Amino acid sequence: MIFTLFFDIIISMGQKKYSFIMVLTTILAWLGFFIVINNFDPFQANILIFIFFYSTLFLSIFGTFLLLLFQIRKMYNKKRNRERIIISESLQQAVLISLVFIIALILQASRILTWWNTILLIIVASMFEFVILVFKTKKV
């Protein structure tokens, strides 16, 4: 129900207004990320600074990939009026890509990221995407 309301609001905005708001929030997220990087020393930082670091980086990557995936999908689906599906798929994949990147970064910071961890992380994300795809097709 919440997602339906969310998508109805986005659809009522129109693509230009949605894109403008997403570009603005992504720029703000990148600005916040660079503020965290420039103002805090990671060797003397507490856990709150790392939470700010990873959350602003997540929002920045999420916004960037959401905009890129939305524009690519919009470009390939010009003839079809499927805004809700385009936004939904772009949102879902941007979250997955951002989570994979942040988890890999956290593993690297802990010095436990290896090539097989990375492959396993990508496989888990792909399986999650596949499960979502299967459940979406069963509802239709």
C-alpha atoms as a PDB file:
ATOM      1  CA  MET A   1       0.000   0.000   0.000  1.00  0.00           C
ATOM      2  CA  ILE A   2       2.803   2.402   0.867  1.00  0.00           C
ATOM      3  CA  PHE A   3       4.637   1.569  -2.358  1.00  0.00           C
ATOM      4  CA  THR A   4       1.455   2.116  -4.369  1.00  0.00           C
ATOM      5  CA  LEU A   5       1.034   5.538  -2.805  1.00  0.00           C
ATOM      6  CA  PHE A   6       4.727   6.268  -3.427  1.00  0.00           C
ATOM      7  CA  PHE A   7       4.480   5.329  -7.102  1.00  0.00           C
ATOM      8  CA  ASP A   8       1.202   7.229  -7.541  1.00  0.00           C
ATOM      9  CA  ILE A   9       2.905  10.367  -6.220  1.00  0.00           C
ATOM     10  CA  ILE A  10       5.855   9.857  -8.559  1.00  0.00           C
ATOM     11  CA  ILE A  11       3.620   9.219 -11.568  1.00  0.00           C
ATOM     12  CA  SER A  12       1.559  12.320 -10.808  1.00  0.00           C
ATOM     13  CA  MET A  13       4.774  14.385 -10.687  1.00  0.00           C
ATOM     14  CA  GLY A  14       5.756  13.621 -14.241  1.00  0.00           C
ATOM     15  CA  GLN A  15       9.119  12.479 -15.517  1.00  0.00           C
ATOM     16  CA  LYS A  16      10.767  15.895 -15.706  1.00  0.00           C
ATOM     17  CA  LYS A  17       9.877  16.860 -12.150  1.00  0.00           C
ATOM     18  CA  TYR A  18      10.842  13.387 -10.868  1.00  0.00           C
ATOM     19  CA  SER A  19      14.192  13.554 -12.670  1.00  0.00           C
ATOM     20  CA  PHE A  20      14.844  17.064 -11.363  1.00  0.00           C
ATOM     21  CA  ILE A  21      14.097  16.056  -7.762  1.00  0.00           C
ATOM     22  CA  MET A  22      16.270  12.935  -8.079  1.00  0.00           C
ATOM     23  CA  VAL A  23      19.168  14.919  -9.551  1.00  0.00           C
ATOM     24  CA  LEU A  24      18.873  17.487  -6.758  1.00  0.00           C
ATOM     25  CA  THR A  25      18.782  14.865  -3.982  1.00  0.00           C
ATOM     26  CA  THR A  26      21.653  12.924  -5.540  1.00  0.00           C
ATOM     27  CA  ILE A  27      23.772  16.075  -5.700  1.00  0.00           C
ATOM     28  CA  LEU A  28      22.940  16.772  -2.047  1.00  0.00           C
ATOM     29  CA  ALA A  29      23.902  13.202  -1.142  1.00  0.00           C
ATOM     30  CA  TRP A  30      27.244  13.518  -2.945  1.00  0.00           C
ATOM     31  CA  LEU A  31      27.800  16.872  -1.249  1.00  0.00           C
ATOM     32  CA  GLY A  32      27.121  15.278   2.141  1.00  0.00           C
ATOM     33  CA  PHE A  33      29.509  12.444   1.315  1.00  0.00           C
ATOM     34  CA  PHE A  34      32.319  14.857   0.414  1.00  0.00           C
ATOM     35  CA  ILE A  35      31.650  16.869   3.572  1.00  0.00           C
ATOM     36  CA  VAL A  36      32.048  13.706   5.659  1.00  0.00           C
ATOM     37  CA  ILE A  37      35.265  12.797   3.831  1.00  0.00           C
ATOM     38  CA  ASN A  38      36.808  16.259   4.165  1.00  0.00           C
ATOM     39  CA  ASN A  39      35.861  16.981   7.766  1.00  0.00           C
ATOM     40  CA  PHE A  40      36.585  13.735   9.606  1.00  0.00           C
ATOM     41  CA  ASP A  41      39.711  11.682  10.137  1.00  0.00           C
ATOM     42  CA  PRO A  42      38.949   7.970   9.735  1.00  0.00           C
ATOM     43  CA  PHE A  43      41.709   6.997  12.161  1.00  0.00           C
ATOM     44  CA  GLN A  44      40.175   9.045  14.984  1.00  0.00           C
ATOM     45  CA  ALA A  45      36.506   8.645  14.050  1.00  0.00           C
ATOM     46  CA  ASN A  46      33.910   6.897  16.136  1.00  0.00           C
ATOM     47  CA  ILE A  47      31.156   4.607  14.896  1.00  0.00           C
ATOM     48  CA  LEU A  48      28.771   7.505  14.217  1.00  0.00           C
ATOM     49  CA  ILE A  49      31.151   8.987  11.642  1.00  0.00           C
ATOM     50  CA  PHE A  50      31.374   5.626   9.865  1.00  0.00           C
ATOM     51  CA  ILE A  51      27.579   5.388   9.850  1.00  0.00           C
ATOM     52  CA  PHE A  52      27.428   8.861   8.246  1.00  0.00           C
ATOM     53  CA  PHE A  53      30.117   7.839   5.762  1.00  0.00           C
ATOM     54  CA  TYR A  54      28.425   4.637   4.638  1.00  0.00           C
ATOM     55  CA  SER A  55      24.900   6.091   4.640  1.00  0.00           C
ATOM     56  CA  THR A  56      25.824   9.146   2.555  1.00  0.00           C
ATOM     57  CA  LEU A  57      27.826   6.949   0.193  1.00  0.00           C
ATOM     58  CA  PHE A  58      24.864   4.565  -0.103  1.00  0.00           C
ATOM     59  CA  LEU A  59      22.480   7.428  -0.869  1.00  0.00           C
ATOM     60  CA  SER A  60      24.915   8.899  -3.395  1.00  0.00           C
ATOM     61  CA  ILE A  61      25.441   5.621  -5.239  1.00  0.00           C
ATOM     62  CA  PHE A  62      21.737   4.811  -5.019  1.00  0.00           C
ATOM     63  CA  GLY A  63      20.721   8.150  -6.511  1.00  0.00           C
ATOM     64  CA  THR A  64      23.314   7.942  -9.262  1.00  0.00           C
ATOM     65  CA  PHE A  65      22.341   4.425 -10.311  1.00  0.00           C
ATOM     66  CA  LEU A  66      18.636   5.212 -10.001  1.00  0.00           C
ATOM     67  CA  LEU A  67      19.019   8.116 -12.402  1.00  0.00           C
ATOM     68  CA  LEU A  68      21.179   6.127 -14.819  1.00  0.00           C
ATOM     69  CA  LEU A  69      18.922   3.072 -14.835  1.00  0.00           C
ATOM     70  CA  PHE A  70      15.794   5.218 -15.128  1.00  0.00           C
ATOM     71  CA  GLN A  71      17.188   7.108 -18.129  1.00  0.00           C
ATOM     72  CA  ILE A  72      18.385   3.916 -19.831  1.00  0.00           C
ATOM     73  CA  ARG A  73      15.024   2.193 -19.308  1.00  0.00           C
ATOM     74  CA  LYS A  74      13.150   5.290 -20.457  1.00  0.00           C
ATOM     75  CA  MET A  75      15.282   5.428 -23.589  1.00  0.00           C
ATOM     76  CA  TYR A  76      14.582   1.787 -24.481  1.00  0.00           C
ATOM     77  CA  ASN A  77      10.859   1.950 -23.620  1.00  0.00           C
ATOM     78  CA  LYS A  78       9.891   5.077 -25.518  1.00  0.00           C
ATOM     79  CA  LYS A  79       6.861   3.571 -27.213  1.00  0.00           C
ATOM     80  CA  ARG A  80       5.403   1.963 -24.101  1.00  0.00           C
ATOM     81  CA  ASN A  81       3.776   3.986 -21.352  1.00  0.00           C
ATOM     82  CA  ARG A  82       5.162   1.998 -18.434  1.00  0.00           C
ATOM     83  CA  GLU A  83       6.407   4.666 -16.025  1.00  0.00           C
ATOM     84  CA  ARG A  84       5.445   2.723 -12.899  1.00  0.00           C
ATOM     85  CA  ILE A  85       7.301  -0.406 -14.041  1.00  0.00           C
ATOM     86  CA  ILE A  86      10.339   1.579 -15.177  1.00  0.00           C
ATOM     87  CA  ILE A  87      10.574   3.410 -11.851  1.00  0.00           C
ATOM     88  CA  SER A  88       9.974   0.231  -9.851  1.00  0.00           C
ATOM     89  CA  GLU A  89      12.645  -1.783 -11.653  1.00  0.00           C
ATOM     90  CA  SER A  90      15.148   1.056 -11.558  1.00  0.00           C
ATOM     91  CA  LEU A  91      14.563   1.579  -7.847  1.00  0.00           C
ATOM     92  CA  GLN A  92      14.932  -2.101  -7.064  1.00  0.00           C
ATOM     93  CA  GLN A  93      18.137  -2.552  -9.039  1.00  0.00           C
ATOM     94  CA  ALA A  94      19.671   0.677  -7.743  1.00  0.00           C
ATOM     95  CA  VAL A  95      19.113  -0.513  -4.167  1.00  0.00           C
ATOM     96  CA  LEU A  96      20.713  -3.883  -4.937  1.00  0.00           C
ATOM     97  CA  ILE A  97      23.733  -2.379  -6.680  1.00  0.00           C
ATOM     98  CA  SER A  98      24.229   0.131  -3.862  1.00  0.00           C
ATOM     99  CA  LEU A  99      23.935  -2.546  -1.180  1.00  0.00           C
ATOM    100  CA  VAL A 100      26.437  -4.805  -2.944  1.00  0.00           C
ATOM    101  CA  PHE A 101      28.876  -1.917  -3.232  1.00  0.00           C
ATOM    102  CA  ILE A 102      28.499  -0.840   0.416  1.00  0.00           C
ATOM    103  CA  ILE A 103      28.752  -4.408   1.740  1.00  0.00           C
ATOM    104  CA  ALA A 104      31.885  -4.960  -0.355  1.00  0.00           C
ATOM    105  CA  LEU A 105      33.327  -1.710   0.986  1.00  0.00           C
ATOM    106  CA  ILE A 106      32.586  -2.721   4.591  1.00  0.00           C
ATOM    107  CA  LEU A 107      34.201  -6.113   3.987  1.00  0.00           C
ATOM    108  CA  GLN A 108      37.229  -4.383   2.466  1.00  0.00           C
ATOM    109  CA  ALA A 109      37.495  -2.055   5.452  1.00  0.00           C
ATOM    110  CA  SER A 110      37.514  -5.132   7.686  1.00  0.00           C
ATOM    111  CA  ARG A 111      40.161  -6.709   5.430  1.00  0.00           C
ATOM    112  CA  ILE A 112      38.013  -9.771   4.714  1.00  0.00           C
ATOM    113  CA  LEU A 113      37.023  -9.045   1.123  1.00  0.00           C
ATOM    114  CA  THR A 114      38.392 -11.649  -1.265  1.00  0.00           C
ATOM    115  CA  TRP A 115      37.548 -12.517  -4.833  1.00  0.00           C
ATOM    116  CA  TRP A 116      35.310 -15.390  -3.788  1.00  0.00           C
ATOM    117  CA  ASN A 117      33.473 -13.158  -1.273  1.00  0.00           C
ATOM    118  CA  THR A 118      32.816 -10.731  -4.089  1.00  0.00           C
ATOM    119  CA  ILE A 119      31.522 -13.466  -6.380  1.00  0.00           C
ATOM    120  CA  LEU A 120      29.353 -14.821  -3.557  1.00  0.00           C
ATOM    121  CA  LEU A 121      27.965 -11.348  -2.898  1.00  0.00           C
ATOM    122  CA  ILE A 122      27.092 -10.888  -6.571  1.00  0.00           C
ATOM    123  CA  ILE A 123      25.480 -14.354  -6.697  1.00  0.00           C
ATOM    124  CA  VAL A 124      23.349 -13.581  -3.620  1.00  0.00           C
ATOM    125  CA  ALA A 125      22.247 -10.258  -5.144  1.00  0.00           C
ATOM    126  CA  SER A 126      21.421 -12.005  -8.423  1.00  0.00           C
ATOM    127  CA  MET A 127      19.425 -14.677  -6.609  1.00  0.00           C
ATOM    128  CA  PHE A 128      17.529 -11.982  -4.715  1.00  0.00           C
ATOM    129  CA  GLU A 129      16.746 -10.239  -7.996  1.00  0.00           C
ATOM    130  CA  PHE A 130      15.602 -13.549  -9.479  1.00  0.00           C
ATOM    131  CA  VAL A 131      13.303 -14.269  -6.515  1.00  0.00           C
ATOM    132  CA  ILE A 132      11.739 -10.825  -6.824  1.00  0.00           C
ATOM    133  CA  LEU A 133      11.260 -11.386 -10.552  1.00  0.00           C
ATOM    134  CA  VAL A 134       9.595 -14.770  -9.971  1.00  0.00           C
ATOM    135  CA  PHE A 135       7.175 -13.391  -7.384  1.00  0.00           C
ATOM    136  CA  LYS A 136       6.315 -10.421  -9.595  1.00  0.00           C
ATOM    137  CA  THR A 137       5.433 -12.678 -12.526  1.00  0.00           C
ATOM    138  CA  LYS A 138       3.257 -14.888 -10.309  1.00  0.00           C
ATOM    139  CA  LYS A 139       1.184 -11.870  -9.207  1.00  0.00           C
ATOM    140  CA  VAL A 140       0.498 -10.837 -12.796  1.00  0.00           C
END
